[in-house]
Protein backbone atom coordinates (compact mmCIF):
# COMPACT_ATOMS: atom_id res chain seq x y z
CA MET A 1 66.21 -161.92 67.95
CA ILE A 2 67.33 -163.55 71.22
CA VAL A 3 68.46 -161.18 73.95
CA CYS A 4 70.95 -162.73 76.37
CA VAL A 5 70.79 -161.41 79.90
CA PRO A 6 74.05 -161.79 81.85
CA LEU A 7 73.87 -164.41 84.63
CA GLY A 8 74.75 -161.83 87.27
CA ALA A 9 71.90 -159.60 86.14
CA GLN A 10 69.49 -162.56 86.24
CA THR A 11 70.57 -163.35 89.79
CA THR A 12 70.24 -159.74 90.85
CA HIS A 13 66.74 -159.55 89.35
CA ARG A 14 65.71 -162.82 91.01
CA ASP A 15 66.98 -161.71 94.42
CA SER A 16 65.32 -158.31 94.09
CA VAL A 17 61.94 -159.83 93.17
CA LEU A 18 62.27 -162.42 95.93
CA ALA A 19 62.98 -159.72 98.50
CA GLN A 20 59.99 -157.69 97.30
CA ALA A 21 57.75 -160.76 97.47
CA ARG A 22 58.87 -161.49 101.02
CA TYR A 23 58.07 -157.92 102.00
CA LEU A 24 54.62 -158.10 100.43
CA LYS A 25 53.99 -161.39 102.23
CA SER A 26 55.04 -159.84 105.54
CA ILE A 27 52.40 -157.10 105.17
CA TYR A 28 49.76 -159.63 104.05
CA HIS A 29 49.69 -158.59 100.38
CA ILE A 30 49.97 -162.27 99.66
CA ASP A 31 48.21 -162.34 96.28
CA GLU A 32 50.69 -159.75 94.96
CA ALA A 33 53.57 -161.77 96.37
CA VAL A 34 52.26 -164.90 94.62
CA GLY A 35 52.13 -163.01 91.34
CA LEU A 36 55.76 -161.91 91.62
CA LEU A 37 56.99 -165.33 92.68
CA SER A 38 55.06 -167.12 89.95
CA ASP A 39 56.93 -165.00 87.34
CA LEU A 40 60.20 -166.38 88.72
CA VAL A 41 59.19 -170.02 88.25
CA MET A 42 60.98 -171.34 85.15
CA PRO A 43 59.97 -174.56 83.35
CA GLY A 44 62.34 -177.41 84.15
CA ILE A 45 64.14 -175.42 86.86
CA LEU A 46 63.44 -176.08 90.54
CA ASP A 47 64.48 -172.95 92.41
CA GLU A 48 64.11 -174.01 96.04
CA GLY A 49 64.19 -170.48 97.42
CA VAL A 50 61.39 -169.27 95.12
CA LEU A 51 59.27 -172.39 95.55
CA SER A 52 59.65 -172.29 99.32
CA GLU A 53 58.35 -168.71 99.44
CA LEU A 54 55.57 -169.54 96.98
CA ALA A 55 54.52 -172.58 99.03
CA ASP A 56 54.41 -170.47 102.20
CA CYS A 57 52.30 -167.85 100.44
CA HIS A 58 49.82 -170.53 99.34
CA PHE A 59 49.76 -171.91 102.89
CA GLN A 60 49.12 -168.53 104.50
CA ASN A 61 46.50 -167.70 101.88
CA GLY A 62 44.59 -170.91 102.56
CA ASP A 63 45.27 -172.32 99.08
CA LEU A 64 45.95 -175.72 100.58
CA GLU A 65 45.91 -177.79 97.40
CA ASP A 66 48.53 -175.55 95.74
CA ALA A 67 50.55 -175.43 98.95
CA ALA A 68 50.49 -179.23 99.27
CA GLY A 69 51.68 -179.72 95.71
CA THR A 70 54.54 -177.28 96.10
CA TYR A 71 55.68 -178.63 99.47
CA TYR A 72 55.55 -182.14 98.03
CA LEU A 73 57.99 -181.10 95.30
CA LEU A 74 60.24 -179.45 97.86
CA SER A 75 60.19 -182.39 100.26
CA ALA A 76 61.01 -184.79 97.42
CA ARG A 77 64.06 -182.67 96.61
CA GLN A 78 65.04 -182.04 100.23
CA PRO A 79 63.64 -184.98 102.27
CA GLU A 80 65.78 -184.01 105.25
CA ASN A 81 64.11 -180.58 105.50
CA ILE A 82 61.84 -180.82 108.55
CA LEU A 83 59.90 -177.65 107.74
CA TYR A 84 58.62 -179.08 104.45
CA GLN A 85 57.42 -182.25 106.19
CA ILE A 86 55.75 -180.26 108.97
CA ARG A 87 53.91 -178.15 106.43
CA LEU A 88 52.77 -181.30 104.60
CA MET A 89 51.56 -182.72 107.92
CA GLN A 90 49.59 -179.56 108.72
CA ILE A 91 48.15 -179.13 105.23
CA ASN A 92 47.05 -182.76 104.87
CA TYR A 93 45.41 -182.59 108.28
CA ARG A 94 43.44 -179.51 107.25
CA LEU A 95 42.49 -181.28 104.02
CA LYS A 96 41.32 -184.23 106.16
CA ALA A 97 43.88 -186.45 104.45
CA TYR A 98 44.74 -187.92 107.83
CA PRO A 99 46.87 -190.93 106.72
CA GLN A 100 49.09 -188.59 104.67
CA SER A 101 49.29 -186.19 107.61
CA ILE A 102 50.35 -189.04 109.89
CA GLN A 103 52.96 -190.19 107.39
CA ALA A 104 54.49 -186.71 107.15
CA GLY A 105 54.48 -186.34 110.93
CA LYS A 106 56.23 -189.65 111.40
CA ALA A 107 58.89 -188.57 108.89
CA VAL A 108 59.58 -185.53 111.07
CA LEU A 109 59.75 -187.61 114.26
CA GLN A 110 62.39 -189.83 112.73
CA ARG A 111 64.65 -186.78 112.75
CA ASP A 112 63.46 -184.78 115.75
CA SER A 113 61.26 -185.56 118.78
CA ILE A 114 59.01 -182.50 118.63
CA PRO A 115 56.09 -182.66 121.14
CA ALA A 116 53.78 -180.58 118.91
CA VAL A 117 54.35 -182.98 116.02
CA MET A 118 53.65 -185.96 118.29
CA SER A 119 50.38 -184.36 119.28
CA TYR A 120 49.55 -183.69 115.61
CA VAL A 121 50.16 -187.35 114.75
CA GLY A 122 47.97 -188.30 117.70
CA ASP A 123 45.24 -186.05 116.33
CA GLY A 124 45.49 -187.79 112.96
CA PHE A 125 45.11 -191.23 114.52
CA ASN A 126 42.24 -189.92 116.64
CA GLN A 127 40.43 -188.68 113.53
CA ILE A 128 40.59 -192.09 111.84
CA GLY A 129 39.43 -193.89 114.98
CA GLN A 130 42.74 -195.50 115.95
CA VAL A 131 42.52 -194.26 119.52
CA ASP A 132 45.19 -196.58 120.95
CA SER A 133 47.76 -195.13 118.56
CA ALA A 134 46.50 -191.62 119.25
CA LEU A 135 46.88 -192.14 122.99
CA TRP A 136 50.40 -193.52 122.50
CA TYR A 137 51.50 -190.37 120.68
CA TYR A 138 49.74 -188.09 123.18
CA ARG A 139 51.58 -189.84 126.00
CA ARG A 140 54.91 -189.39 124.16
CA ALA A 141 54.16 -185.69 123.74
CA LEU A 142 53.24 -185.33 127.42
CA ALA A 143 56.41 -187.11 128.51
CA LEU A 144 58.36 -184.29 126.87
CA LYS A 145 55.95 -181.48 127.62
CA PRO A 146 53.76 -182.47 130.58
CA ARG A 147 52.24 -179.00 131.04
CA ASN A 148 50.46 -179.02 127.70
CA LYS A 149 46.83 -178.99 128.83
CA THR A 150 45.49 -179.26 125.27
CA THR A 151 47.28 -182.54 124.62
CA LEU A 152 46.44 -183.76 128.11
CA SER A 153 42.75 -183.05 127.68
CA LYS A 154 42.70 -185.01 124.41
CA ALA A 155 44.38 -187.99 126.06
CA VAL A 156 41.99 -187.86 129.02
CA GLY A 157 39.05 -187.64 126.61
CA ILE A 158 40.11 -190.92 124.98
CA LEU A 159 40.38 -192.61 128.38
CA LEU A 160 36.95 -191.32 129.41
CA ASP A 161 35.39 -192.56 126.17
CA GLY A 162 37.00 -195.94 126.83
CA LYS A 163 35.62 -195.94 130.40
CA ASP A 164 39.13 -196.07 131.86
CA TYR A 165 38.21 -193.63 134.59
CA ASP A 166 41.09 -194.54 136.89
CA GLY A 167 43.51 -194.07 134.01
CA ALA A 168 42.03 -190.63 133.29
CA ILE A 169 42.36 -189.61 136.93
CA SER A 170 45.97 -190.84 137.08
CA LEU A 171 46.84 -188.88 133.95
CA CYS A 172 45.40 -185.69 135.47
CA GLU A 173 47.13 -186.00 138.85
CA PRO A 174 50.71 -184.88 137.95
CA PHE A 175 49.38 -181.79 136.18
CA LEU A 176 47.01 -180.91 139.05
CA ALA A 177 49.77 -181.43 141.62
CA GLU A 178 51.38 -178.29 140.19
CA ASP A 179 48.20 -176.47 139.15
CA PRO A 180 45.31 -177.72 141.33
CA ASP A 181 42.95 -174.94 140.30
CA ASN A 182 43.30 -175.43 136.54
CA THR A 183 39.89 -174.89 134.96
CA THR A 184 40.52 -177.27 132.07
CA ILE A 185 42.05 -180.34 133.71
CA ALA A 186 40.38 -180.28 137.15
CA PRO A 187 36.86 -180.54 135.65
CA LEU A 188 38.05 -183.52 133.58
CA LYS A 189 39.17 -185.24 136.77
CA GLY A 190 35.78 -184.37 138.29
CA LEU A 191 34.02 -185.88 135.28
CA ALA A 192 36.08 -189.07 135.61
CA LEU A 193 35.09 -189.31 139.28
CA TYR A 194 31.44 -188.68 138.39
CA LEU A 195 31.43 -191.35 135.67
CA LYS A 196 33.17 -193.70 138.10
CA LYS A 197 30.22 -193.02 140.44
CA ASP A 198 32.49 -191.59 143.11
CA TYR A 199 30.02 -188.78 143.60
CA LYS A 200 31.37 -187.46 146.91
CA SER A 201 34.84 -186.96 145.42
CA ALA A 202 33.26 -185.40 142.32
CA VAL A 203 31.39 -182.93 144.53
CA LYS A 204 34.70 -181.81 146.08
CA VAL A 205 36.28 -181.17 142.69
CA PHE A 206 33.32 -179.37 141.12
CA GLN A 207 32.50 -177.40 144.29
CA HIS A 208 36.10 -176.14 144.49
CA GLN A 209 35.93 -175.08 140.86
CA GLU A 210 32.76 -173.14 141.57
CA ASP A 211 34.32 -171.59 144.70
CA ILE A 212 37.27 -170.23 142.70
CA GLY A 213 34.94 -168.65 140.16
CA ASN A 214 34.42 -171.28 137.46
CA ASP A 215 30.84 -170.41 136.51
CA SER A 216 30.60 -172.67 133.45
CA TYR A 217 27.73 -174.95 132.46
CA PRO A 218 29.58 -178.27 133.04
CA ILE A 219 30.55 -177.24 136.58
CA HIS A 220 26.98 -176.43 137.62
CA TYR A 221 25.53 -179.41 135.73
CA TYR A 222 27.84 -182.10 137.12
CA LEU A 223 27.92 -180.53 140.58
CA GLY A 224 24.12 -180.63 140.59
CA GLN A 225 24.06 -184.23 139.38
CA SER A 226 26.66 -185.23 141.97
CA TYR A 227 24.71 -183.57 144.79
CA TRP A 228 21.58 -185.35 143.54
CA HIS A 229 23.34 -188.73 143.72
CA THR A 230 24.54 -187.95 147.25
CA GLN A 231 20.99 -186.94 148.26
CA VAL A 232 21.81 -183.30 148.93
CA ILE A 233 18.65 -182.36 147.08
CA TYR A 234 18.46 -178.65 147.86
CA ARG A 235 22.01 -178.12 146.50
CA ALA A 236 21.28 -180.28 143.48
CA GLU A 237 18.27 -178.12 142.66
CA LYS A 238 20.29 -174.91 143.03
CA GLU A 239 23.14 -176.09 140.77
CA LEU A 240 20.92 -177.57 138.07
CA LEU A 241 18.90 -174.35 137.91
CA ALA A 242 22.18 -172.42 137.59
CA ALA A 243 23.16 -174.68 134.68
CA TRP A 244 19.78 -173.99 133.06
CA GLN A 245 20.44 -170.23 133.22
CA ILE A 246 23.58 -170.80 131.13
CA ASP A 247 22.18 -173.31 128.62
CA SER A 248 18.50 -174.19 128.36
CA SER A 249 18.80 -176.55 125.39
CA ASP A 250 19.30 -179.89 127.17
CA VAL A 251 16.16 -181.99 127.62
CA ASN A 252 17.93 -184.20 130.17
CA LEU A 253 18.67 -181.16 132.30
CA ALA A 254 14.99 -180.13 132.23
CA TYR A 255 14.02 -183.65 133.26
CA SER A 256 16.65 -183.70 136.02
CA ILE A 257 15.32 -180.44 137.44
CA ALA A 258 11.80 -181.86 137.42
CA ALA A 259 12.93 -185.05 139.15
CA VAL A 260 14.94 -183.18 141.79
CA LYS A 261 12.00 -180.89 142.49
CA ALA A 262 9.76 -183.93 142.84
CA GLU A 263 12.18 -185.47 145.35
CA ALA A 264 12.15 -182.17 147.25
CA TYR A 265 8.33 -182.39 147.31
CA ARG A 266 7.86 -179.12 145.47
CA PRO A 267 4.23 -178.45 144.41
CA PHE A 268 3.57 -180.71 141.45
CA GLU A 269 1.09 -178.59 139.50
CA THR A 270 2.95 -175.28 139.81
CA ASP A 271 6.56 -176.45 139.85
CA VAL A 272 7.38 -180.05 138.89
CA SER A 273 4.96 -180.31 135.96
CA LEU A 274 6.28 -176.99 134.61
CA TRP A 275 9.70 -178.59 134.08
CA LEU A 276 8.24 -181.79 132.69
CA ASP A 277 6.35 -179.65 130.17
CA LYS A 278 9.61 -177.97 129.20
CA ALA A 279 11.22 -181.36 128.67
CA LEU A 280 8.36 -182.59 126.50
CA ASP A 281 8.41 -179.42 124.42
CA MET A 282 12.12 -179.90 123.74
CA LEU A 283 12.07 -183.62 123.21
CA GLU A 284 13.05 -185.33 120.02
CA PRO A 285 11.49 -188.78 119.44
CA ASP A 286 13.28 -190.75 122.15
CA HIS A 287 11.15 -193.49 123.65
CA VAL A 288 13.29 -194.05 126.74
CA THR A 289 13.26 -190.37 127.71
CA LEU A 290 9.57 -190.04 126.91
CA SER A 291 8.89 -192.98 129.19
CA ARG A 292 10.89 -191.42 132.01
CA ILE A 293 9.03 -188.12 131.66
CA HIS A 294 5.64 -189.84 131.72
CA GLN A 295 6.79 -191.86 134.75
CA GLN A 296 7.51 -188.61 136.57
CA TYR A 297 4.15 -187.16 135.53
CA GLY A 298 2.46 -190.33 136.74
CA LEU A 299 4.31 -190.26 140.06
CA GLY A 300 3.31 -186.64 140.61
CA TYR A 301 -0.38 -187.31 140.05
CA TYR A 302 -0.13 -190.58 142.01
CA ARG A 303 1.20 -188.78 145.06
CA ARG A 304 -1.64 -186.28 144.98
CA GLN A 305 -4.07 -189.09 145.84
CA ASP A 306 -6.86 -187.31 143.97
CA SER A 307 -5.80 -187.42 140.31
CA TRP A 308 -5.94 -191.12 139.58
CA ASP A 309 -7.11 -190.72 135.99
CA GLN A 310 -4.19 -188.45 135.12
CA ALA A 311 -1.77 -190.85 136.81
CA ILE A 312 -3.23 -193.80 134.89
CA GLY A 313 -2.90 -191.97 131.58
CA HIS A 314 0.76 -191.10 132.12
CA TYR A 315 1.69 -194.55 133.41
CA LYS A 316 0.10 -196.09 130.34
CA GLU A 317 2.17 -193.76 128.16
CA ALA A 318 5.31 -194.61 130.15
CA TYR A 319 4.70 -198.33 129.63
CA LYS A 320 3.91 -197.84 125.95
CA TYR A 321 7.25 -196.11 125.37
CA ASN A 322 9.18 -198.56 127.55
CA PRO A 323 7.59 -202.02 127.94
CA LYS A 324 10.45 -202.98 130.29
CA PHE A 325 8.97 -200.59 132.85
CA ILE A 326 6.62 -203.29 134.20
CA SER A 327 6.06 -201.45 137.50
CA ALA A 328 3.73 -199.21 135.49
CA LEU A 329 1.26 -202.10 135.32
CA SER A 330 1.09 -202.34 139.10
CA PHE A 331 0.79 -198.56 139.49
CA ILE A 332 -2.07 -198.51 136.98
CA ALA A 333 -3.83 -201.35 138.81
CA TYR A 334 -3.46 -199.56 142.14
CA CYS A 335 -4.87 -196.34 140.70
CA TYR A 336 -7.91 -198.23 139.40
CA GLN A 337 -8.22 -199.83 142.84
CA GLN A 338 -8.32 -196.38 144.46
CA LYS A 339 -11.01 -195.36 141.95
CA LYS A 340 -12.91 -198.48 143.04
CA ASP A 341 -12.89 -199.67 139.44
CA TYR A 342 -12.11 -203.18 140.62
CA LYS A 343 -12.64 -204.89 137.27
CA GLN A 344 -9.90 -202.81 135.67
CA ALA A 345 -7.73 -203.23 138.76
CA VAL A 346 -7.97 -207.03 138.47
CA GLU A 347 -7.05 -206.88 134.79
CA TRP A 348 -3.93 -204.75 135.37
CA TYR A 349 -2.77 -206.66 138.46
CA GLU A 350 -3.00 -209.87 136.46
CA LYS A 351 -0.97 -208.29 133.63
CA TYR A 352 1.70 -207.31 136.12
CA LEU A 353 1.88 -210.70 137.84
CA LYS A 354 2.42 -212.43 134.49
CA VAL A 355 5.72 -210.59 133.99
CA ALA A 356 6.85 -209.79 137.54
CA LYS A 357 9.39 -211.87 139.45
CA PRO A 358 7.68 -214.20 141.96
CA GLY A 359 8.79 -213.52 145.50
CA SER A 360 9.76 -209.89 144.86
CA SER A 361 8.22 -207.17 147.00
CA GLY A 362 6.35 -205.82 143.96
CA TYR A 363 4.98 -209.27 143.18
CA GLU A 364 3.79 -209.80 146.78
CA PHE A 365 2.20 -206.34 146.87
CA ALA A 366 0.29 -206.97 143.64
CA ALA A 367 -0.78 -210.47 144.67
CA ASP A 368 -2.15 -209.23 148.00
CA ASN A 369 -4.00 -206.36 146.35
CA LEU A 370 -5.35 -208.64 143.62
CA ALA A 371 -6.87 -210.87 146.29
CA TYR A 372 -8.41 -207.82 147.93
CA VAL A 373 -9.93 -206.33 144.76
CA ARG A 374 -11.27 -209.73 143.71
CA SER A 375 -13.07 -209.99 147.03
CA GLU A 376 -14.45 -206.48 146.61
CA LEU A 377 -15.56 -207.30 143.07
CA PHE A 378 -17.21 -210.48 144.33
CA MET A 379 -19.12 -208.48 146.96
CA GLU A 380 -20.32 -206.21 144.16
CA GLY A 381 -21.42 -209.23 142.17
CA GLY A 382 -18.81 -208.69 139.46
CA LEU A 383 -17.26 -212.17 139.79
């Protein structure tokens, strides 16, 4: 027996269930709302109101695949509906389907110039490595909404990665003209100045940030590095140690502290070597960094004038990890010379002179000392 329900009654039932589902969704009983809405879906009938609510429930519930499928159906039926395209853009981005996200975002921009959508499209291009396109969309978004520091920071990040430091600074300037103390954009300008090697200007930016209370790791780290490059060693040491108190996981920071302390002539055994030990303990297999650390060890023992064997050992390690560090050969030779082991000194000076540049100060130093140690060896009867 087929029971016919009057059309008006069907409509009343549908509207009542839809209203109840919307209420349940509003109080985050989304699974219950999905259940009610799913009962309203009829085979072969596309009820836009029901499907729109169902799609939004899937979206809010994190059921992205179901949400994408439903919004796709809706956007095919109503291609002029911007909301459906925006949802497809957002969902595809979360699903890491970046080309589809970009496509949906572009469809929206054909109808409305929405800065947030421009930024989203920029994010999509950024994710697939098309940074020029990403930057173009970020700039479009900033032209309409220049105070958006999130979009601005992404655009500046692309310029910094591309080593366009002047471009990064120029992009920051209009924002900072209105908000000079901004703790997101001002440090980016400081970083651009630092990477540009304009260390004095970088000091001004980072020092001002610290003065107004920005106590973050990047501020202390780059302020310390900038002071180091401008030879204000005592301030560099202070800032780098402050950075270490915030984050002690960076081997380069440990090395920097050791090097700054060495330049400040802090006691090697009780201070400098402590930080070199920290760096070695943290180090992953990185030959360049290992070489630098052993160079600093070698320099510390070399300066002591009484630990030639330790200096020799570390300089040999430094050269082993970085054969381009040919000065190690001359240092080793000189240490042997001070030990009066002239035979070894001759051997290492000769190694150095084979690879050093004739006429350089290092070459002349080694040649003069080689002549001296050969004469000493001759007097000892070793030649």
